[in-house]
């Protein structure tokens, strides 16, 4: 019983850690995309 509980807790914590990493990577991708968009807008403003 104790081994089974420890295994389930380990799997739960591992799942939480993986989902947190996925959310962080997705957030970094959005930030990079926003930075590129802002850079392009600034370049257009300078060109005009």
PDB file of N, CA and C in Angstrom:
ATOM      1  N   UNK A   1       0.833  -1.198   0.000  1.00  0.00           N
ATOM      2  CA  UNK A   1       0.000   0.000   0.000  1.00  0.00           C
ATOM      3  C   UNK A   1       0.870   1.252   0.000  1.00  0.00           C
ATOM      4  N   UNK A   2       1.905   1.286   0.832  1.00  0.00           N
ATOM      5  CA  UNK A   2       2.767   2.461   0.917  1.00  0.00           C
ATOM      6  C   UNK A   2       3.530   2.666  -0.386  1.00  0.00           C
ATOM      7  N   UNK A   3       4.010   1.601  -0.968  1.00  0.00           N
ATOM      8  CA  UNK A   3       4.735   1.697  -2.239  1.00  0.00           C
ATOM      9  C   UNK A   3       3.808   2.205  -3.344  1.00  0.00           C
ATOM     10  N   UNK A   4       2.591   1.728  -3.335  1.00  0.00           N
ATOM     11  CA  UNK A   4       1.624   2.161  -4.349  1.00  0.00           C
ATOM     12  C   UNK A   4       1.313   3.651  -4.187  1.00  0.00           C
ATOM     13  N   UNK A   5       1.144   4.103  -2.967  1.00  0.00           N
ATOM     14  CA  UNK A   5       0.873   5.516  -2.702  1.00  0.00           C
ATOM     15  C   UNK A   5       2.066   6.374  -3.121  1.00  0.00           C
ATOM     16  N   UNK A   6       3.268   5.940  -2.805  1.00  0.00           N
ATOM     17  CA  UNK A   6       4.472   6.672  -3.184  1.00  0.00           C
ATOM     18  C   UNK A   6       4.602   6.753  -4.708  1.00  0.00           C
ATOM     19  N   UNK A   7       4.277   5.663  -5.382  1.00  0.00           N
ATOM     20  CA  UNK A   7       4.335   5.648  -6.848  1.00  0.00           C
ATOM     21  C   UNK A   7       3.321   6.613  -7.442  1.00  0.00           C
ATOM     22  N   UNK A   8       2.113   6.619  -6.907  1.00  0.00           N
ATOM     23  CA  UNK A   8       1.071   7.506  -7.415  1.00  0.00           C
ATOM     24  C   UNK A   8       1.434   8.971  -7.169  1.00  0.00           C
ATOM     25  N   UNK A   9       1.972   9.276  -6.010  1.00  0.00           N
ATOM     26  CA  UNK A   9       2.390  10.650  -5.718  1.00  0.00           C
ATOM     27  C   UNK A   9       3.529  11.088  -6.633  1.00  0.00           C
ATOM     28  N   UNK A  10       4.451  10.191  -6.889  1.00  0.00           N
ATOM     29  CA  UNK A  10       5.561  10.495  -7.785  1.00  0.00           C
ATOM     30  C   UNK A  10       5.061  10.773  -9.196  1.00  0.00           C
ATOM     31  N   UNK A  11       4.141   9.964  -9.669  1.00  0.00           N
ATOM     32  CA  UNK A  11       3.575  10.175 -10.999  1.00  0.00           C
ATOM     33  C   UNK A  11       2.794  11.493 -11.064  1.00  0.00           C
ATOM     34  N   UNK A  12       2.061  11.807 -10.020  1.00  0.00           N
ATOM     35  CA  UNK A  12       1.300  13.053  -9.980  1.00  0.00           C
ATOM     36  C   UNK A  12       2.237  14.256 -10.004  1.00  0.00           C
ATOM     37  N   UNK A  13       3.263  14.227  -9.184  1.00  0.00           N
ATOM     38  CA  UNK A  13       4.210  15.342  -9.149  1.00  0.00           C
ATOM     39  C   UNK A  13       4.975  15.462 -10.467  1.00  0.00           C
ATOM     40  N   UNK A  14       5.313  14.340 -11.060  1.00  0.00           N
ATOM     41  CA  UNK A  14       5.986  14.369 -12.358  1.00  0.00           C
ATOM     42  C   UNK A  14       5.095  14.971 -13.434  1.00  0.00           C
ATOM     43  N   UNK A  15       3.821  14.616 -13.414  1.00  0.00           N
ATOM     44  CA  UNK A  15       2.873  15.177 -14.383  1.00  0.00           C
ATOM     45  C   UNK A  15       2.735  16.679 -14.205  1.00  0.00           C
ATOM     46  N   UNK A  16       2.666  17.132 -12.968  1.00  0.00           N
ATOM     47  CA  UNK A  16       2.577  18.564 -12.704  1.00  0.00           C
ATOM     48  C   UNK A  16       3.827  19.298 -13.189  1.00  0.00           C
ATOM     49  N   UNK A  17       4.978  18.710 -12.965  1.00  0.00           N
ATOM     50  CA  UNK A  17       6.228  19.336 -13.394  1.00  0.00           C
ATOM     51  C   UNK A  17       6.299  19.432 -14.917  1.00  0.00           C
ATOM     52  N   UNK A  18       5.891  18.386 -15.599  1.00  0.00           N
ATOM     53  CA  UNK A  18       5.921  18.395 -17.068  1.00  0.00           C
ATOM     54  C   UNK A  18       4.946  19.418 -17.619  1.00  0.00           C
ATOM     55  N   UNK A  19       3.759  19.512 -17.042  1.00  0.00           N
ATOM     56  CA  UNK A  19       2.790  20.487 -17.546  1.00  0.00           C
ATOM     57  C   UNK A  19       3.258  21.911 -17.260  1.00  0.00           C
ATOM     58  N   UNK A  20       3.930  22.122 -16.148  1.00  0.00           N
ATOM     59  CA  UNK A  20       4.466  23.457 -15.843  1.00  0.00           C
ATOM     60  C   UNK A  20       5.539  23.834 -16.859  1.00  0.00           C
ATOM     61  N   UNK A  21       6.385  22.886 -17.214  1.00  0.00           N
ATOM     62  CA  UNK A  21       7.422  23.159 -18.215  1.00  0.00           C
ATOM     63  C   UNK A  21       6.802  23.472 -19.568  1.00  0.00           C
ATOM     64  N   UNK A  22       5.761  22.738 -19.930  1.00  0.00           N
ATOM     65  CA  UNK A  22       5.097  22.974 -21.215  1.00  0.00           C
ATOM     66  C   UNK A  22       4.485  24.365 -21.247  1.00  0.00           C
ATOM     67  N   UNK A  23       3.869  24.779 -20.136  1.00  0.00           N
ATOM     68  CA  UNK A  23       3.285  26.122 -20.075  1.00  0.00           C
ATOM     69  C   UNK A  23       4.370  27.184 -20.160  1.00  0.00           C
ATOM     70  N   UNK A  24       5.512  26.951 -19.546  1.00  0.00           N
ATOM     71  CA  UNK A  24       6.605  27.919 -19.598  1.00  0.00           C
ATOM     72  C   UNK A  24       7.134  28.059 -21.016  1.00  0.00           C
ATOM     73  N   UNK A  25       7.317  26.953 -21.694  1.00  0.00           N
ATOM     74  CA  UNK A  25       7.811  26.990 -23.078  1.00  0.00           C
ATOM     75  C   UNK A  25       6.807  27.708 -23.971  1.00  0.00           C
ATOM     76  N   UNK A  26       5.524  27.434 -23.774  1.00  0.00           N
ATOM     77  CA  UNK A  26       4.483  28.093 -24.561  1.00  0.00           C
ATOM     78  C   UNK A  26       4.501  29.594 -24.291  1.00  0.00           C
ATOM     79  N   UNK A  27       4.694  29.989 -23.045  1.00  0.00           N
ATOM     80  CA  UNK A  27       4.755  31.407 -22.691  1.00  0.00           C
ATOM     81  C   UNK A  27       5.963  32.097 -23.296  1.00  0.00           C
ATOM     82  N   UNK A  28       7.092  31.420 -23.301  1.00  0.00           N
ATOM     83  CA  UNK A  28       8.299  31.997 -23.912  1.00  0.00           C
ATOM     84  C   UNK A  28       8.074  32.177 -25.409  1.00  0.00           C
ATOM     85  N   UNK A  29       7.431  31.223 -26.045  1.00  0.00           N
ATOM     86  CA  UNK A  29       7.134  31.340 -27.467  1.00  0.00           C
ATOM     87  C   UNK A  29       6.243  32.537 -27.757  1.00  0.00           C
ATOM     88  N   UNK A  30       5.254  32.761 -26.902  1.00  0.00           N
ATOM     89  CA  UNK A  30       4.372  33.921 -27.078  1.00  0.00           C
ATOM     90  C   UNK A  30       5.140  35.221 -26.876  1.00  0.00           C
ATOM     91  N   UNK A  31       6.016  35.260 -25.885  1.00  0.00           N
ATOM     92  CA  UNK A  31       6.812  36.461 -25.622  1.00  0.00           C
ATOM     93  C   UNK A  31       7.729  36.784 -26.800  1.00  0.00           C
ATOM     94  N   UNK A  32       8.354  35.759 -27.344  1.00  0.00           N
ATOM     95  CA  UNK A  32       9.238  35.971 -28.503  1.00  0.00           C
ATOM     96  C   UNK A  32       8.430  36.478 -29.689  1.00  0.00           C
ATOM     97  N   UNK A  33       7.268  35.901 -29.899  1.00  0.00           N
ATOM     98  CA  UNK A  33       6.405  36.348 -30.986  1.00  0.00           C
ATOM     99  C   UNK A  33       5.991  37.807 -30.811  1.00  0.00           C
ATOM    100  N   UNK A  34       5.656  38.196 -29.596  1.00  0.00           N
ATOM    101  CA  UNK A  34       5.280  39.586 -29.327  1.00  0.00           C
ATOM    102  C   UNK A  34       6.461  40.525 -29.543  1.00  0.00           C
ATOM    103  N   UNK A  35       7.656  40.078 -29.191  1.00  0.00           N
ATOM    104  CA  UNK A  35       8.848  40.902 -29.385  1.00  0.00           C
ATOM    105  C   UNK A  35       9.107  41.124 -30.868  1.00  0.00           C
ATOM    106  N   UNK A  36       8.947  40.082 -31.657  1.00  0.00           N
ATOM    107  CA  UNK A  36       9.124  40.202 -33.105  1.00  0.00           C
ATOM    108  C   UNK A  36       8.095  41.165 -33.678  1.00  0.00           C
ATOM    109  N   UNK A  37       6.852  41.035 -33.255  1.00  0.00           N
ATOM    110  CA  UNK A  37       5.799  41.938 -33.742  1.00  0.00           C
ATOM    111  C   UNK A  37       6.105  43.386 -33.377  1.00  0.00           C
ATOM    112  N   UNK A  38       6.575  43.620 -32.164  1.00  0.00           N
ATOM    113  CA  UNK A  38       6.908  44.976 -31.735  1.00  0.00           C
ATOM    114  C   UNK A  38       8.089  45.519 -32.537  1.00  0.00           C
ATOM    115  N   UNK A  39       9.070  44.688 -32.821  1.00  0.00           N
ATOM    116  CA  UNK A  39      10.220  45.104 -33.622  1.00  0.00           C
ATOM    117  C   UNK A  39       9.802  45.470 -35.038  1.00  0.00           C
ATOM    118  N   UNK A  40       8.926  44.677 -35.622  1.00  0.00           N
ATOM    119  CA  UNK A  40       8.434  44.982 -36.963  1.00  0.00           C
ATOM    120  C   UNK A  40       7.636  46.278 -36.980  1.00  0.00           C
ATOM    121  N   UNK A  41       6.819  46.490 -35.965  1.00  0.00           N
ATOM    122  CA  UNK A  41       6.033  47.731 -35.891  1.00  0.00           C
ATOM    123  C   UNK A  41       6.949  48.938 -35.742  1.00  0.00           C
ATOM    124  N   UNK A  42       7.996  48.810 -34.935  1.00  0.00           N
ATOM    125  CA  UNK A  42       8.943  49.912 -34.757  1.00  0.00           C
ATOM    126  C   UNK A  42       9.672  50.200 -36.068  1.00  0.00           C
ATOM    127  N   UNK A  43      10.032  49.159 -36.790  1.00  0.00           N
ATOM    128  CA  UNK A  43      10.714  49.347 -38.079  1.00  0.00           C
ATOM    129  C   UNK A  43       9.791  50.043 -39.077  1.00  0.00           C
ATOM    130  N   UNK A  44       8.521  49.681 -39.084  1.00  0.00           N
ATOM    131  CA  UNK A  44       7.562  50.354 -39.978  1.00  0.00           C
ATOM    132  C   UNK A  44       7.403  51.822 -39.602  1.00  0.00           C
ATOM    133  N   UNK A  45       7.353  52.105 -38.300  1.00  0.00           N
ATOM    134  CA  UNK A  45       7.223  53.493 -37.851  1.00  0.00           C
ATOM    135  C   UNK A  45       8.429  54.324 -38.277  1.00  0.00           C
ATOM    136  N   UNK A  46       9.613  53.740 -38.184  1.00  0.00           N
ATOM    137  CA  UNK A  46      10.835  54.457 -38.562  1.00  0.00           C
ATOM    138  C   UNK A  46      10.864  54.681 -40.076  1.00  0.00           C
ATOM    139  N   UNK A  47      10.408  53.673 -40.833  1.00  0.00           N
ATOM    140  CA  UNK A  47      10.429  53.766 -42.287  1.00  0.00           C
ATOM    141  C   UNK A  47       9.451  54.825 -42.794  1.00  0.00           C
ATOM    142  N   UNK A  48       8.391  55.056 -42.064  1.00  0.00           N
ATOM    143  CA  UNK A  48       7.382  56.034 -42.506  1.00  0.00           C
ATOM    144  C   UNK A  48       7.751  57.336 -41.943  1.00  0.00           C
TER     145      UNK A  48
END
